[in-house]
């Protein structure tokens, strides 16, 4: 068995978690992007860290789910979810950046598109997309994952942001300070 790496990304939909995971692997990757690698059937057959980008290009080029399954042996359910992302990518590509509706932006955010990724697709700036999103009052909700499987009340739940919710899972009473640190390794 060949290892191709591992990340942790949390979302309420596969598409959302998958795109978050891709962005976590490399800061130069915006998500499931069909323009990173060209189509190559041989690369689809071999599991590598770049195969998902060949897969994205193949989906955008019109490869069927059956053909992709035969080449990759990736379960059709996952292939359908990846196709959802590419279909939305194409929808965004065909939209004028000045005509990003609330529904279009919310749909993009719900399947894991970042503001930066949306901006690149619609040929705008990240700031312009963020401003449009804020004008439409599209904001993420804080959700939590019970880390002890409800065996007893957990005090250290994982928290994550998602656009697939209407309420926060936690309260924000104020009066607290959060210290955020980054550890860099050489």
Protein backbone atom coordinates (compact mmCIF):
# COMPACT_ATOMS: atom_id res chain seq x y z
CA UNK A 1 0.00 0.00 0.00
CA UNK A 2 1.25 3.45 -0.89
CA UNK A 3 0.75 6.38 1.46
CA UNK A 4 -0.12 9.73 -0.09
CA UNK A 5 -0.51 11.80 3.08
CA UNK A 6 -3.20 12.71 5.54
CA UNK A 7 -5.10 15.80 6.65
CA UNK A 8 -8.00 16.57 8.93
CA UNK A 9 -10.81 18.73 7.62
CA UNK A 10 -14.28 18.94 9.10
CA UNK A 11 -17.45 19.89 7.28
CA UNK A 12 -21.11 19.02 7.09
CA UNK A 13 -20.82 17.85 3.49
CA UNK A 14 -18.13 15.75 1.85
CA UNK A 15 -17.52 18.48 -0.73
CA UNK A 16 -16.87 21.06 2.01
CA UNK A 17 -14.46 18.85 3.97
CA UNK A 18 -12.66 17.71 0.80
CA UNK A 19 -11.99 21.26 -0.38
CA UNK A 20 -10.85 22.32 3.10
CA UNK A 21 -8.48 19.34 3.19
CA UNK A 22 -6.95 20.23 -0.18
CA UNK A 23 -6.28 23.79 1.01
CA UNK A 24 -4.65 22.47 4.19
CA UNK A 25 -2.14 20.36 2.26
CA UNK A 26 -0.59 23.23 0.34
CA UNK A 27 -1.10 26.98 0.69
CA UNK A 28 -0.79 27.34 -3.10
CA UNK A 29 -3.86 25.14 -3.68
CA UNK A 30 -7.26 26.84 -3.62
CA UNK A 31 -9.33 23.64 -3.59
CA UNK A 32 -10.48 21.04 -6.11
CA UNK A 33 -9.15 22.91 -9.13
CA UNK A 34 -9.41 21.47 -12.67
CA UNK A 35 -6.55 23.66 -13.93
CA UNK A 36 -3.71 22.39 -11.70
CA UNK A 37 -2.85 19.27 -13.75
CA UNK A 38 -3.68 18.14 -17.32
CA UNK A 39 -5.76 15.06 -18.14
CA UNK A 40 -3.72 11.85 -18.14
CA UNK A 41 -5.36 8.42 -17.92
CA UNK A 42 -2.18 6.79 -16.63
CA UNK A 43 -2.02 9.25 -13.73
CA UNK A 44 -5.65 8.48 -12.90
CA UNK A 45 -4.80 4.80 -12.44
CA UNK A 46 -2.03 5.40 -9.88
CA UNK A 47 -2.71 6.86 -6.42
CA UNK A 48 -0.49 9.91 -5.97
CA UNK A 49 -0.79 13.23 -4.20
CA UNK A 50 -1.58 14.93 -7.55
CA UNK A 51 -4.16 12.44 -8.85
CA UNK A 52 -7.11 14.42 -7.49
CA UNK A 53 -6.19 17.35 -9.73
CA UNK A 54 -5.99 15.09 -12.80
CA UNK A 55 -9.38 13.79 -11.68
CA UNK A 56 -10.74 17.36 -11.48
CA UNK A 57 -9.51 18.09 -15.02
CA UNK A 58 -11.02 14.84 -16.28
CA UNK A 59 -14.41 15.58 -14.71
CA UNK A 60 -14.40 19.08 -16.24
CA UNK A 61 -13.51 17.57 -19.63
CA UNK A 62 -16.61 15.37 -19.45
CA UNK A 63 -15.30 11.97 -18.37
CA UNK A 64 -18.23 9.86 -17.15
CA UNK A 65 -18.42 8.57 -13.60
CA UNK A 66 -18.22 5.01 -14.96
CA UNK A 67 -15.05 5.75 -16.93
CA UNK A 68 -13.47 7.44 -13.91
CA UNK A 69 -14.43 4.49 -11.70
CA UNK A 70 -12.79 2.04 -14.14
CA UNK A 71 -9.60 4.10 -14.18
CA UNK A 72 -9.34 5.03 -10.49
CA UNK A 73 -11.40 2.43 -8.61
CA UNK A 74 -12.63 5.33 -6.45
CA UNK A 75 -16.15 4.63 -5.21
CA UNK A 76 -18.81 6.24 -7.42
CA UNK A 77 -20.30 8.09 -4.41
CA UNK A 78 -17.06 10.03 -3.95
CA UNK A 79 -16.76 10.63 -7.70
CA UNK A 80 -20.31 12.08 -7.74
CA UNK A 81 -19.41 14.41 -4.88
CA UNK A 82 -16.28 15.54 -6.71
CA UNK A 83 -18.39 16.11 -9.83
CA UNK A 84 -20.68 18.36 -7.75
CA UNK A 85 -17.69 20.59 -7.01
CA UNK A 86 -16.61 20.78 -10.66
CA UNK A 87 -20.19 21.44 -11.81
CA UNK A 88 -20.34 24.38 -9.37
CA UNK A 89 -16.90 25.51 -10.54
CA UNK A 90 -18.23 25.65 -14.12
CA UNK A 91 -21.33 27.53 -12.93
CA UNK A 92 -19.12 30.13 -11.24
CA UNK A 93 -16.88 30.38 -14.33
CA UNK A 94 -19.93 31.30 -16.40
CA UNK A 95 -21.06 34.00 -13.96
CA UNK A 96 -20.08 37.65 -14.16
CA UNK A 97 -18.38 38.64 -10.88
CA UNK A 98 -20.79 41.58 -10.55
CA UNK A 99 -23.76 39.19 -10.64
CA UNK A 100 -22.90 36.90 -7.73
CA UNK A 101 -26.32 36.38 -6.14
CA UNK A 102 -26.86 35.41 -2.53
CA UNK A 103 -27.94 31.90 -3.53
CA UNK A 104 -24.92 31.41 -5.80
CA UNK A 105 -22.46 32.59 -3.13
CA UNK A 106 -24.12 30.60 -0.35
CA UNK A 107 -24.12 27.45 -2.52
CA UNK A 108 -20.42 27.91 -3.24
CA UNK A 109 -19.60 28.40 0.43
CA UNK A 110 -21.68 25.35 1.41
CA UNK A 111 -19.61 23.05 -0.80
CA UNK A 112 -16.33 24.42 0.47
CA UNK A 113 -15.28 27.18 -1.92
CA UNK A 114 -13.15 29.80 -0.17
CA UNK A 115 -13.53 33.51 -0.97
CA UNK A 116 -10.08 33.37 -2.60
CA UNK A 117 -11.11 30.40 -4.74
CA UNK A 118 -14.37 32.06 -5.82
CA UNK A 119 -12.46 35.24 -6.69
CA UNK A 120 -9.99 33.34 -8.87
CA UNK A 121 -12.82 31.57 -10.70
CA UNK A 122 -14.93 34.69 -11.39
CA UNK A 123 -11.84 36.85 -12.08
CA UNK A 124 -12.36 39.21 -9.16
CA UNK A 125 -10.52 39.91 -5.93
CA UNK A 126 -10.82 38.05 -2.66
CA UNK A 127 -11.79 41.30 -0.94
CA UNK A 128 -14.57 42.00 -3.47
CA UNK A 129 -16.01 38.50 -2.96
CA UNK A 130 -15.78 38.86 0.83
CA UNK A 131 -17.58 42.22 0.69
CA UNK A 132 -20.34 40.75 -1.50
CA UNK A 133 -20.68 37.78 0.88
CA UNK A 134 -20.94 40.11 3.87
CA UNK A 135 -23.48 42.33 2.09
CA UNK A 136 -25.61 39.21 1.57
CA UNK A 137 -25.15 38.39 5.28
CA UNK A 138 -23.54 35.04 4.51
CA UNK A 139 -21.53 34.14 7.60
CA UNK A 140 -20.25 30.83 8.92
CA UNK A 141 -21.69 29.11 11.95
CA UNK A 142 -19.57 27.55 14.69
CA UNK A 143 -20.37 23.87 15.08
CA UNK A 144 -18.89 21.30 17.43
CA UNK A 145 -18.03 17.62 17.37
CA UNK A 146 -18.49 15.66 20.55
CA UNK A 147 -15.06 14.14 21.20
CA UNK A 148 -16.27 11.61 23.77
CA UNK A 149 -19.23 10.14 21.81
CA UNK A 150 -21.74 11.48 24.36
CA UNK A 151 -20.46 9.13 27.07
CA UNK A 152 -20.35 12.17 29.36
CA UNK A 153 -20.40 15.93 28.78
CA UNK A 154 -17.31 16.91 26.81
CA UNK A 155 -15.45 20.05 27.78
CA UNK A 156 -13.00 19.98 24.86
CA UNK A 157 -15.12 19.58 21.74
CA UNK A 158 -13.63 20.23 18.32
CA UNK A 159 -15.06 23.43 16.91
CA UNK A 160 -15.25 24.17 13.21
CA UNK A 161 -16.78 26.76 10.91
CA UNK A 162 -19.36 25.83 8.30
CA UNK A 163 -21.81 27.62 6.03
CA UNK A 164 -24.13 24.59 6.35
CA UNK A 165 -25.96 25.73 9.45
CA UNK A 166 -28.33 28.37 10.72
CA UNK A 167 -27.27 28.54 14.38
CA UNK A 168 -24.09 28.25 16.42
CA UNK A 169 -23.60 25.15 18.60
CA UNK A 170 -21.83 27.22 21.25
CA UNK A 171 -22.62 30.46 23.02
CA UNK A 172 -20.37 33.49 22.94
CA UNK A 173 -20.91 35.18 26.30
CA UNK A 174 -17.87 37.46 26.00
CA UNK A 175 -15.32 38.29 28.64
CA UNK A 176 -12.80 35.69 27.46
CA UNK A 177 -9.45 36.00 25.76
CA UNK A 178 -8.19 33.62 23.12
CA UNK A 179 -4.47 33.20 22.49
CA UNK A 180 -3.61 31.81 19.08
CA UNK A 181 -0.13 30.53 18.37
CA UNK A 182 1.65 28.95 15.46
CA UNK A 183 4.51 26.50 15.73
CA UNK A 184 6.88 26.51 12.79
CA UNK A 185 9.25 23.62 12.16
CA UNK A 186 12.29 23.66 9.95
